[in-house]
Amino acid sequence: MRFAIRDDDTNFYTTPAELEACYKEIWNDFPPTLSLISKVKGNWLYWVHQIYKDKQNTDWTAWEKDDTIYPIEQNSELISFLKQEITKGRLDISYHAKHHRNEDEMLPEERSNNYVRGAEYFTNQDRTQEIKNEITHLEQLLGRKISVFTPPQNLLSMQGYQSVLSAGLNLCGGGIPFYKKEKNLKGLYNIFKQLSFKLLNRESDYPRVLKFNTHNEIAYHYPLQPTTRLDSLKYDFDMVRKYNGDFVLSTHYVEFDYPMVYDEKMKMKRVLMDFLDYVSKFKVEKMSLSEMLA
């Protein structure tokens, strides 16, 4: 089976020290994939902790008013660090968001879960050119081709989904039902594969990368958050391993130092390291998310 780490939200506020603290024991084994925010809007460092604490009771009016844009290239130390570690093969990059905000006046449908204010591509608008522009900008900054998109809040509308595909990117997640995707010959074959798998294995998610005519996707990934229990990760991993599948662990570097909700003496990074120890007991090909979706 194959294994990758997807880490969302690297942006202007990210420090090299934070990334090194998260991944220095890992990146010589295989490169985690950092999913970048190119021009984060507002004081992200403040709001990410505030939203984690207050959730839907966040002062959203204050959040909206805090709308200064912070391009990632203005953190020259981070850019130098990323270029260095990418060149060494110790980090991989993908595209996550431009502003990491959804300021559309009208959403495709009402959503109360998953903090839709941050789901930038849960939209009625065609964002193809915007995505292309941001990808080109990041590639020129960092000297590395970007081929993968990871959706903010793991949420896409059909218009957002089509924008990502039209921009030429592979995809991890997004929440689009498999029966709404491409209906060409290869798309119909993918629908058949997923449907037949689910009929035979009702307790499992489809465990492999899907290849379409113009792109590749992996629909499911498994989150490591401050609420995640190690036994749950092991269960999900064993389920994917049962089918010799592709396992993507999704996480956020900013939470690595958070205490676990169920045990405040334990930090989230400890759960990650214990999980990777478990993974290493089995025959697993570790790689970047970009390589898995290539």
C-alpha atoms as a PDB file:
ATOM      1  CA  MET A   1       0.000   0.000   0.000  1.00  0.00           C
ATOM      2  CA  ARG A   2       0.947   3.669  -0.305  1.00  0.00           C
ATOM      3  CA  PHE A   3       1.002   6.399   2.364  1.00  0.00           C
ATOM      4  CA  ALA A   4       1.209  10.199   2.255  1.00  0.00           C
ATOM      5  CA  ILE A   5       0.782  13.169   4.588  1.00  0.00           C
ATOM      6  CA  ARG A   6      -1.238  16.231   3.580  1.00  0.00           C
ATOM      7  CA  ASP A   7      -0.648  19.272   5.810  1.00  0.00           C
ATOM      8  CA  ASP A   8      -2.898  22.273   5.122  1.00  0.00           C
ATOM      9  CA  ASP A   9      -2.500  26.024   5.665  1.00  0.00           C
ATOM     10  CA  THR A  10       1.176  26.964   5.276  1.00  0.00           C
ATOM     11  CA  ASN A  11       1.002  30.730   4.696  1.00  0.00           C
ATOM     12  CA  PHE A  12       2.599  34.120   5.412  1.00  0.00           C
ATOM     13  CA  TYR A  13       2.357  33.527   9.174  1.00  0.00           C
ATOM     14  CA  THR A  14       4.109  30.140   9.086  1.00  0.00           C
ATOM     15  CA  THR A  15       7.657  29.982  10.461  1.00  0.00           C
ATOM     16  CA  PRO A  16      10.388  27.551   9.378  1.00  0.00           C
ATOM     17  CA  ALA A  17      10.852  26.626  13.036  1.00  0.00           C
ATOM     18  CA  GLU A  18       7.238  25.446  13.264  1.00  0.00           C
ATOM     19  CA  LEU A  19       7.544  23.226  10.203  1.00  0.00           C
ATOM     20  CA  GLU A  20      10.880  21.842  11.337  1.00  0.00           C
ATOM     21  CA  ALA A  21       9.480  21.037  14.777  1.00  0.00           C
ATOM     22  CA  CYS A  22       6.620  19.149  13.129  1.00  0.00           C
ATOM     23  CA  TYR A  23       8.509  17.187  10.512  1.00  0.00           C
ATOM     24  CA  LYS A  24      12.242  16.978  11.169  1.00  0.00           C
ATOM     25  CA  GLU A  25      11.905  13.362  12.382  1.00  0.00           C
ATOM     26  CA  ILE A  26       9.889  12.461   9.296  1.00  0.00           C
ATOM     27  CA  TRP A  27      11.089  14.299   6.203  1.00  0.00           C
ATOM     28  CA  ASN A  28      14.258  12.258   5.660  1.00  0.00           C
ATOM     29  CA  ASP A  29      12.006   9.201   5.346  1.00  0.00           C
ATOM     30  CA  PHE A  30       9.486  10.798   2.973  1.00  0.00           C
ATOM     31  CA  PRO A  31       8.317  14.368   2.215  1.00  0.00           C
ATOM     32  CA  PRO A  32       5.066  15.631   3.780  1.00  0.00           C
ATOM     33  CA  THR A  33       3.001  17.698   1.343  1.00  0.00           C
ATOM     34  CA  LEU A  34       2.384  21.258   2.536  1.00  0.00           C
ATOM     35  CA  SER A  35      -0.737  22.786   1.022  1.00  0.00           C
ATOM     36  CA  LEU A  36      -0.173  26.522   0.630  1.00  0.00           C
ATOM     37  CA  ILE A  37      -2.319  29.622   1.089  1.00  0.00           C
ATOM     38  CA  SER A  38      -0.838  32.154  -1.316  1.00  0.00           C
ATOM     39  CA  LYS A  39      -2.338  35.425  -0.037  1.00  0.00           C
ATOM     40  CA  VAL A  40      -3.960  34.805   3.316  1.00  0.00           C
ATOM     41  CA  LYS A  41      -6.465  37.448   4.367  1.00  0.00           C
ATOM     42  CA  GLY A  42      -6.553  38.780   7.935  1.00  0.00           C
ATOM     43  CA  ASN A  43      -4.509  37.866  10.983  1.00  0.00           C
ATOM     44  CA  TRP A  44      -4.639  34.145  10.319  1.00  0.00           C
ATOM     45  CA  LEU A  45      -2.472  33.280  13.322  1.00  0.00           C
ATOM     46  CA  TYR A  46      -4.928  34.977  15.665  1.00  0.00           C
ATOM     47  CA  TRP A  47      -8.086  33.673  14.018  1.00  0.00           C
ATOM     48  CA  VAL A  48      -7.031  30.049  13.622  1.00  0.00           C
ATOM     49  CA  HIS A  49      -6.704  29.743  17.407  1.00  0.00           C
ATOM     50  CA  GLN A  50      -9.803  31.844  18.059  1.00  0.00           C
ATOM     51  CA  ILE A  51     -11.994  29.776  15.735  1.00  0.00           C
ATOM     52  CA  TYR A  52     -10.623  26.568  17.229  1.00  0.00           C
ATOM     53  CA  LYS A  53     -11.647  27.837  20.679  1.00  0.00           C
ATOM     54  CA  ASP A  54     -14.984  29.515  19.882  1.00  0.00           C
ATOM     55  CA  LYS A  55     -16.092  27.518  16.826  1.00  0.00           C
ATOM     56  CA  GLN A  56     -19.452  28.797  15.548  1.00  0.00           C
ATOM     57  CA  ASN A  57     -19.536  31.397  18.341  1.00  0.00           C
ATOM     58  CA  THR A  58     -16.562  33.207  16.786  1.00  0.00           C
ATOM     59  CA  ASP A  59     -16.984  36.964  16.349  1.00  0.00           C
ATOM     60  CA  TRP A  60     -17.473  36.705  12.591  1.00  0.00           C
ATOM     61  CA  THR A  61     -18.105  40.433  12.200  1.00  0.00           C
ATOM     62  CA  ALA A  62     -14.635  41.194  13.571  1.00  0.00           C
ATOM     63  CA  TRP A  63     -13.226  38.429  11.374  1.00  0.00           C
ATOM     64  CA  GLU A  64     -14.756  39.995   8.261  1.00  0.00           C
ATOM     65  CA  LYS A  65     -13.388  43.440   9.103  1.00  0.00           C
ATOM     66  CA  ASP A  66      -9.873  42.035   9.536  1.00  0.00           C
ATOM     67  CA  ASP A  67      -9.238  41.830   5.795  1.00  0.00           C
ATOM     68  CA  THR A  68      -5.629  42.895   5.185  1.00  0.00           C
ATOM     69  CA  ILE A  69      -3.950  40.605   2.637  1.00  0.00           C
ATOM     70  CA  TYR A  70      -0.605  38.985   3.504  1.00  0.00           C
ATOM     71  CA  PRO A  71       1.137  37.455   0.441  1.00  0.00           C
ATOM     72  CA  ILE A  72       3.272  34.450   1.317  1.00  0.00           C
ATOM     73  CA  GLU A  73       6.319  35.940  -0.451  1.00  0.00           C
ATOM     74  CA  GLN A  74       6.486  38.734   2.131  1.00  0.00           C
ATOM     75  CA  ASN A  75       7.778  36.079   4.545  1.00  0.00           C
ATOM     76  CA  SER A  76      11.174  35.799   2.861  1.00  0.00           C
ATOM     77  CA  GLU A  77      12.527  33.477   5.556  1.00  0.00           C
ATOM     78  CA  LEU A  78       9.733  30.987   4.884  1.00  0.00           C
ATOM     79  CA  ILE A  79      10.208  31.165   1.101  1.00  0.00           C
ATOM     80  CA  SER A  80      13.960  30.515   1.424  1.00  0.00           C
ATOM     81  CA  PHE A  81      13.310  27.621   3.779  1.00  0.00           C
ATOM     82  CA  LEU A  82      10.696  26.034   1.501  1.00  0.00           C
ATOM     83  CA  LYS A  83      12.936  26.314  -1.562  1.00  0.00           C
ATOM     84  CA  GLN A  84      15.798  24.724   0.360  1.00  0.00           C
ATOM     85  CA  GLU A  85      13.771  21.805   1.726  1.00  0.00           C
ATOM     86  CA  ILE A  86      11.941  21.200  -1.556  1.00  0.00           C
ATOM     87  CA  THR A  87      15.310  21.005  -3.339  1.00  0.00           C
ATOM     88  CA  LYS A  88      16.524  18.506  -0.738  1.00  0.00           C
ATOM     89  CA  GLY A  89      13.397  16.410  -1.318  1.00  0.00           C
ATOM     90  CA  ARG A  90      12.276  16.813   2.283  1.00  0.00           C
ATOM     91  CA  LEU A  91       9.074  18.761   1.597  1.00  0.00           C
ATOM     92  CA  ASP A  92       6.473  18.710  -1.157  1.00  0.00           C
ATOM     93  CA  ILE A  93       3.918  21.443  -1.957  1.00  0.00           C
ATOM     94  CA  SER A  94       0.353  21.676  -3.218  1.00  0.00           C
ATOM     95  CA  TYR A  95      -2.219  24.461  -3.568  1.00  0.00           C
ATOM     96  CA  HIS A  96      -4.848  25.051  -0.881  1.00  0.00           C
ATOM     97  CA  ALA A  97      -6.283  28.565  -1.135  1.00  0.00           C
ATOM     98  CA  LYS A  98      -5.754  32.160  -2.200  1.00  0.00           C
ATOM     99  CA  HIS A  99      -7.289  34.019   0.773  1.00  0.00           C
ATOM    100  CA  HIS A 100      -8.767  31.054   2.720  1.00  0.00           C
ATOM    101  CA  ARG A 101     -12.031  32.973   2.923  1.00  0.00           C
ATOM    102  CA  ASN A 102     -15.392  32.685   1.248  1.00  0.00           C
ATOM    103  CA  GLU A 103     -16.876  36.135   0.761  1.00  0.00           C
ATOM    104  CA  ASP A 104     -19.522  35.172  -1.804  1.00  0.00           C
ATOM    105  CA  GLU A 105     -22.828  36.950  -1.283  1.00  0.00           C
ATOM    106  CA  MET A 106     -24.693  33.783  -2.266  1.00  0.00           C
ATOM    107  CA  LEU A 107     -23.489  30.240  -1.591  1.00  0.00           C
ATOM    108  CA  PRO A 108     -24.517  27.194  -3.638  1.00  0.00           C
ATOM    109  CA  GLU A 109     -26.498  25.971  -0.631  1.00  0.00           C
ATOM    110  CA  GLU A 110     -26.732  26.727   3.043  1.00  0.00           C
ATOM    111  CA  ARG A 111     -24.126  25.020   5.191  1.00  0.00           C
ATOM    112  CA  SER A 112     -23.820  25.338   8.959  1.00  0.00           C
ATOM    113  CA  ASN A 113     -21.065  22.790   9.409  1.00  0.00           C
ATOM    114  CA  ASN A 114     -17.361  22.927   8.620  1.00  0.00           C
ATOM    115  CA  TYR A 115     -17.045  26.744   8.923  1.00  0.00           C
ATOM    116  CA  VAL A 116     -18.080  27.462   5.363  1.00  0.00           C
ATOM    117  CA  ARG A 117     -16.660  31.006   5.676  1.00  0.00           C
ATOM    118  CA  GLY A 118     -13.269  29.405   5.058  1.00  0.00           C
ATOM    119  CA  ALA A 119     -14.398  27.122   2.225  1.00  0.00           C
ATOM    120  CA  GLU A 120     -13.123  29.398  -0.512  1.00  0.00           C
ATOM    121  CA  TYR A 121     -14.118  27.177  -3.423  1.00  0.00           C
ATOM    122  CA  PHE A 122     -17.602  26.303  -2.164  1.00  0.00           C
ATOM    123  CA  THR A 123     -18.840  28.800  -4.703  1.00  0.00           C
ATOM    124  CA  ASN A 124     -21.131  29.579  -7.635  1.00  0.00           C
ATOM    125  CA  GLN A 125     -18.302  31.397  -9.414  1.00  0.00           C
ATOM    126  CA  ASP A 126     -15.832  30.102 -11.972  1.00  0.00           C
ATOM    127  CA  ARG A 127     -12.464  30.403 -10.214  1.00  0.00           C
ATOM    128  CA  THR A 128     -10.391  28.673 -12.902  1.00  0.00           C
ATOM    129  CA  GLN A 129      -8.283  31.679 -13.854  1.00  0.00           C
ATOM    130  CA  GLU A 130      -7.740  32.700 -10.241  1.00  0.00           C
ATOM    131  CA  ILE A 131      -6.426  29.223  -9.414  1.00  0.00           C
ATOM    132  CA  LYS A 132      -4.181  29.207 -12.484  1.00  0.00           C
ATOM    133  CA  ASN A 133      -2.785  32.619 -11.552  1.00  0.00           C
ATOM    134  CA  GLU A 134      -2.021  31.598  -7.964  1.00  0.00           C
ATOM    135  CA  ILE A 135      -0.438  28.309  -9.046  1.00  0.00           C
ATOM    136  CA  THR A 136       1.816  30.101 -11.536  1.00  0.00           C
ATOM    137  CA  HIS A 137       2.796  32.644  -8.883  1.00  0.00           C
ATOM    138  CA  LEU A 138       3.702  29.962  -6.319  1.00  0.00           C
ATOM    139  CA  GLU A 139       5.606  27.905  -8.875  1.00  0.00           C
ATOM    140  CA  GLN A 140       7.713  30.926  -9.833  1.00  0.00           C
ATOM    141  CA  LEU A 141       8.361  31.731  -6.171  1.00  0.00           C
ATOM    142  CA  LEU A 142       9.399  28.234  -5.176  1.00  0.00           C
ATOM    143  CA  GLY A 143      10.766  26.732  -8.375  1.00  0.00           C
ATOM    144  CA  ARG A 144       8.568  23.649  -8.150  1.00  0.00           C
ATOM    145  CA  LYS A 145       5.636  22.462 -10.224  1.00  0.00           C
ATOM    146  CA  ILE A 146       2.332  22.235  -8.321  1.00  0.00           C
ATOM    147  CA  SER A 147      -0.001  19.474  -9.456  1.00  0.00           C
ATOM    148  CA  VAL A 148      -2.336  18.901  -6.491  1.00  0.00           C
ATOM    149  CA  PHE A 149      -5.206  20.854  -4.944  1.00  0.00           C
ATOM    150  CA  THR A 150      -6.563  20.292  -1.426  1.00  0.00           C
ATOM    151  CA  PRO A 151      -9.844  22.124  -0.692  1.00  0.00           C
ATOM    152  CA  PRO A 152     -10.125  24.562   2.228  1.00  0.00           C
ATOM    153  CA  GLN A 153     -12.431  23.035   4.861  1.00  0.00           C
ATOM    154  CA  ASN A 154     -12.427  19.931   2.617  1.00  0.00           C
ATOM    155  CA  LEU A 155     -15.473  21.368   0.872  1.00  0.00           C
ATOM    156  CA  LEU A 156     -16.131  22.055  -2.819  1.00  0.00           C
ATOM    157  CA  SER A 157     -19.211  23.002  -4.798  1.00  0.00           C
ATOM    158  CA  MET A 158     -19.669  21.576  -8.274  1.00  0.00           C
ATOM    159  CA  GLN A 159     -18.538  24.928  -9.711  1.00  0.00           C
ATOM    160  CA  GLY A 160     -15.482  24.911  -7.452  1.00  0.00           C
ATOM    161  CA  TYR A 161     -14.752  21.321  -8.435  1.00  0.00           C
ATOM    162  CA  GLN A 162     -14.947  22.154 -12.134  1.00  0.00           C
ATOM    163  CA  SER A 163     -12.695  25.189 -11.585  1.00  0.00           C
ATOM    164  CA  VAL A 164     -10.021  22.998 -10.002  1.00  0.00           C
ATOM    165  CA  LEU A 165     -10.158  20.485 -12.849  1.00  0.00           C
ATOM    166  CA  SER A 166     -10.157  23.221 -15.504  1.00  0.00           C
ATOM    167  CA  ALA A 167      -7.026  24.638 -13.861  1.00  0.00           C
ATOM    168  CA  GLY A 168      -5.330  21.288 -14.540  1.00  0.00           C
ATOM    169  CA  LEU A 169      -4.899  20.011 -10.993  1.00  0.00           C
ATOM    170  CA  ASN A 170      -5.213  16.624  -9.346  1.00  0.00           C
ATOM    171  CA  LEU A 171      -7.420  16.541  -6.274  1.00  0.00           C
ATOM    172  CA  CYS A 172      -7.480  15.219  -2.715  1.00  0.00           C
ATOM    173  CA  GLY A 173     -10.919  15.360  -1.091  1.00  0.00           C
ATOM    174  CA  GLY A 174     -13.682  17.870  -1.680  1.00  0.00           C
ATOM    175  CA  GLY A 175     -16.831  16.017  -0.723  1.00  0.00           C
ATOM    176  CA  ILE A 176     -18.324  15.767  -4.229  1.00  0.00           C
ATOM    177  CA  PRO A 177     -20.412  12.556  -4.522  1.00  0.00           C
ATOM    178  CA  PHE A 178     -18.846  10.082  -6.937  1.00  0.00           C
ATOM    179  CA  TYR A 179     -22.030   9.816  -9.027  1.00  0.00           C
ATOM    180  CA  LYS A 180     -21.877  13.559  -9.881  1.00  0.00           C
ATOM    181  CA  LYS A 181     -18.466  13.359 -11.523  1.00  0.00           C
ATOM    182  CA  GLU A 182     -17.407  12.784 -15.131  1.00  0.00           C
ATOM    183  CA  LYS A 183     -19.812  10.715 -17.228  1.00  0.00           C
ATOM    184  CA  ASN A 184     -17.401   9.880 -20.057  1.00  0.00           C
ATOM    185  CA  LEU A 185     -16.188   6.300 -20.510  1.00  0.00           C
ATOM    186  CA  LYS A 186     -13.457   6.498 -17.869  1.00  0.00           C
ATOM    187  CA  GLY A 187     -15.711   8.436 -15.505  1.00  0.00           C
ATOM    188  CA  LEU A 188     -18.466   5.843 -15.780  1.00  0.00           C
ATOM    189  CA  TYR A 189     -15.913   3.105 -15.111  1.00  0.00           C
ATOM    190  CA  ASN A 190     -14.838   4.953 -11.938  1.00  0.00           C
ATOM    191  CA  ILE A 191     -18.463   5.241 -10.827  1.00  0.00           C
ATOM    192  CA  PHE A 192     -18.880   1.496 -11.385  1.00  0.00           C
ATOM    193  CA  LYS A 193     -15.697   0.715  -9.418  1.00  0.00           C
ATOM    194  CA  GLN A 194     -16.777   2.797  -6.439  1.00  0.00           C
ATOM    195  CA  LEU A 195     -20.363   1.609  -6.441  1.00  0.00           C
ATOM    196  CA  SER A 196     -19.445  -2.063  -6.707  1.00  0.00           C
ATOM    197  CA  PHE A 197     -16.784  -1.664  -4.000  1.00  0.00           C
ATOM    198  CA  LYS A 198     -19.310  -0.056  -1.649  1.00  0.00           C
ATOM    199  CA  LEU A 199     -21.886  -2.761  -2.277  1.00  0.00           C
ATOM    200  CA  LEU A 200     -19.327  -5.425  -1.368  1.00  0.00           C
ATOM    201  CA  ASN A 201     -17.616  -3.517   1.466  1.00  0.00           C
ATOM    202  CA  ARG A 202     -20.225  -1.363   3.175  1.00  0.00           C
ATOM    203  CA  GLU A 203     -17.997  -0.524   6.128  1.00  0.00           C
ATOM    204  CA  SER A 204     -15.170   0.853   3.964  1.00  0.00           C
ATOM    205  CA  ASP A 205     -14.464   3.915   1.834  1.00  0.00           C
ATOM    206  CA  TYR A 206     -13.060   3.419  -1.654  1.00  0.00           C
ATOM    207  CA  PRO A 207      -9.329   3.053  -0.865  1.00  0.00           C
ATOM    208  CA  ARG A 208      -7.455   4.011  -4.041  1.00  0.00           C
ATOM    209  CA  VAL A 209      -6.564   6.871  -6.348  1.00  0.00           C
ATOM    210  CA  LEU A 210      -8.988   7.202  -9.261  1.00  0.00           C
ATOM    211  CA  LYS A 211      -7.676   8.065 -12.721  1.00  0.00           C
ATOM    212  CA  PHE A 212      -9.862  10.246 -14.938  1.00  0.00           C
ATOM    213  CA  ASN A 213      -9.193  11.443 -18.481  1.00  0.00           C
ATOM    214  CA  THR A 214      -7.519  14.694 -17.470  1.00  0.00           C
ATOM    215  CA  HIS A 215      -6.656  14.297 -13.784  1.00  0.00           C
ATOM    216  CA  ASN A 216      -6.377  11.948 -10.812  1.00  0.00           C
ATOM    217  CA  GLU A 217      -8.270  12.072  -7.508  1.00  0.00           C
ATOM    218  CA  ILE A 218      -8.315  10.478  -4.108  1.00  0.00           C
ATOM    219  CA  ALA A 219     -11.697  11.035  -2.508  1.00  0.00           C
ATOM    220  CA  TYR A 220     -10.922  10.016   1.068  1.00  0.00           C
ATOM    221  CA  HIS A 221      -8.320  11.124   3.544  1.00  0.00           C
ATOM    222  CA  TYR A 222      -8.081  10.542   7.268  1.00  0.00           C
ATOM    223  CA  PRO A 223      -7.753  13.517   9.634  1.00  0.00           C
ATOM    224  CA  LEU A 224      -5.415  13.908  12.552  1.00  0.00           C
ATOM    225  CA  GLN A 225      -6.954  16.607  14.771  1.00  0.00           C
ATOM    226  CA  PRO A 226      -6.897  17.262  18.523  1.00  0.00           C
ATOM    227  CA  THR A 227     -10.009  15.077  18.798  1.00  0.00           C
ATOM    228  CA  THR A 228      -8.517  12.091  16.910  1.00  0.00           C
ATOM    229  CA  ARG A 229      -7.770   8.930  18.843  1.00  0.00           C
ATOM    230  CA  LEU A 230      -4.831   6.745  17.893  1.00  0.00           C
ATOM    231  CA  ASP A 231      -7.034   3.641  17.779  1.00  0.00           C
ATOM    232  CA  SER A 232      -9.263   5.355  15.208  1.00  0.00           C
ATOM    233  CA  LEU A 233      -6.297   6.090  12.957  1.00  0.00           C
ATOM    234  CA  LYS A 234      -5.079   2.510  13.286  1.00  0.00           C
ATOM    235  CA  TYR A 235      -8.542   1.227  12.383  1.00  0.00           C
ATOM    236  CA  ASP A 236      -8.734   3.424   9.270  1.00  0.00           C
ATOM    237  CA  PHE A 237      -5.194   2.500   8.243  1.00  0.00           C
ATOM    238  CA  ASP A 238      -5.873  -1.215   8.671  1.00  0.00           C
ATOM    239  CA  MET A 239      -9.026  -0.882   6.581  1.00  0.00           C
ATOM    240  CA  VAL A 240      -7.076   0.694   3.697  1.00  0.00           C
ATOM    241  CA  ARG A 241      -4.225  -1.810   4.155  1.00  0.00           C
ATOM    242  CA  LYS A 242      -6.727  -4.645   3.840  1.00  0.00           C
ATOM    243  CA  TYR A 243      -7.252  -3.609   0.213  1.00  0.00           C
ATOM    244  CA  ASN A 244      -3.610  -2.643  -0.455  1.00  0.00           C
ATOM    245  CA  GLY A 245      -4.878   0.894  -0.972  1.00  0.00           C
ATOM    246  CA  ASP A 246      -3.708   4.500  -0.739  1.00  0.00           C
ATOM    247  CA  PHE A 247      -3.814   6.185   2.676  1.00  0.00           C
ATOM    248  CA  VAL A 248      -3.640   9.971   3.050  1.00  0.00           C
ATOM    249  CA  LEU A 249      -3.246  11.377   6.552  1.00  0.00           C
ATOM    250  CA  SER A 250      -4.518  14.969   6.607  1.00  0.00           C
ATOM    251  CA  THR A 251      -3.492  17.379   9.337  1.00  0.00           C
ATOM    252  CA  HIS A 252      -2.546  20.994  10.197  1.00  0.00           C
ATOM    253  CA  TYR A 253       0.937  21.878  11.428  1.00  0.00           C
ATOM    254  CA  VAL A 254      -0.497  24.654  13.600  1.00  0.00           C
ATOM    255  CA  GLU A 255      -2.259  22.071  15.781  1.00  0.00           C
ATOM    256  CA  PHE A 256       0.777  19.871  16.462  1.00  0.00           C
ATOM    257  CA  ASP A 257       1.372  21.511  19.815  1.00  0.00           C
ATOM    258  CA  TYR A 258      -2.304  21.415  20.834  1.00  0.00           C
ATOM    259  CA  PRO A 259      -3.267  19.066  23.685  1.00  0.00           C
ATOM    260  CA  MET A 260      -5.576  16.230  22.773  1.00  0.00           C
ATOM    261  CA  VAL A 261      -9.159  16.859  23.848  1.00  0.00           C
ATOM    262  CA  TYR A 262      -9.426  13.498  25.592  1.00  0.00           C
ATOM    263  CA  ASP A 263      -5.989  13.727  27.280  1.00  0.00           C
ATOM    264  CA  GLU A 264      -4.566  17.204  27.850  1.00  0.00           C
ATOM    265  CA  LYS A 265      -1.202  15.739  28.881  1.00  0.00           C
ATOM    266  CA  MET A 266      -0.683  14.493  25.328  1.00  0.00           C
ATOM    267  CA  LYS A 267       0.151  16.737  22.360  1.00  0.00           C
ATOM    268  CA  MET A 268      -1.086  16.002  18.857  1.00  0.00           C
ATOM    269  CA  LYS A 269       2.412  15.400  17.540  1.00  0.00           C
ATOM    270  CA  ARG A 270       2.790  12.510  19.962  1.00  0.00           C
ATOM    271  CA  VAL A 271      -0.243  10.855  18.386  1.00  0.00           C
ATOM    272  CA  LEU A 272       1.308  11.366  14.939  1.00  0.00           C
ATOM    273  CA  MET A 273       4.606   9.790  15.944  1.00  0.00           C
ATOM    274  CA  ASP A 274       2.888   6.849  17.620  1.00  0.00           C
ATOM    275  CA  PHE A 275       0.785   6.355  14.505  1.00  0.00           C
ATOM    276  CA  LEU A 276       3.827   6.454  12.210  1.00  0.00           C
ATOM    277  CA  ASP A 277       5.505   3.863  14.440  1.00  0.00           C
ATOM    278  CA  TYR A 278       2.475   1.650  13.844  1.00  0.00           C
ATOM    279  CA  VAL A 279       2.510   2.286  10.083  1.00  0.00           C
ATOM    280  CA  SER A 280       6.186   1.332   9.936  1.00  0.00           C
ATOM    281  CA  LYS A 281       5.389  -2.185  11.113  1.00  0.00           C
ATOM    282  CA  PHE A 282       3.915  -2.960   7.703  1.00  0.00           C
ATOM    283  CA  LYS A 283       5.081  -2.956   4.103  1.00  0.00           C
ATOM    284  CA  VAL A 284       4.172   0.596   3.145  1.00  0.00           C
ATOM    285  CA  GLU A 285       5.513   2.805   0.352  1.00  0.00           C
ATOM    286  CA  LYS A 286       5.725   6.311   1.821  1.00  0.00           C
ATOM    287  CA  MET A 287       5.623   9.228  -0.612  1.00  0.00           C
ATOM    288  CA  SER A 288       4.439  12.761  -1.200  1.00  0.00           C
ATOM    289  CA  LEU A 289       0.801  13.413  -2.070  1.00  0.00           C
ATOM    290  CA  SER A 290       1.961  14.802  -5.427  1.00  0.00           C
ATOM    291  CA  GLU A 291       3.678  11.507  -6.216  1.00  0.00           C
ATOM    292  CA  MET A 292       0.671   9.467  -5.093  1.00  0.00           C
ATOM    293  CA  LEU A 293      -1.623  11.416  -7.414  1.00  0.00           C
ATOM    294  CA  ALA A 294       0.802  11.629 -10.356  1.00  0.00           C
END
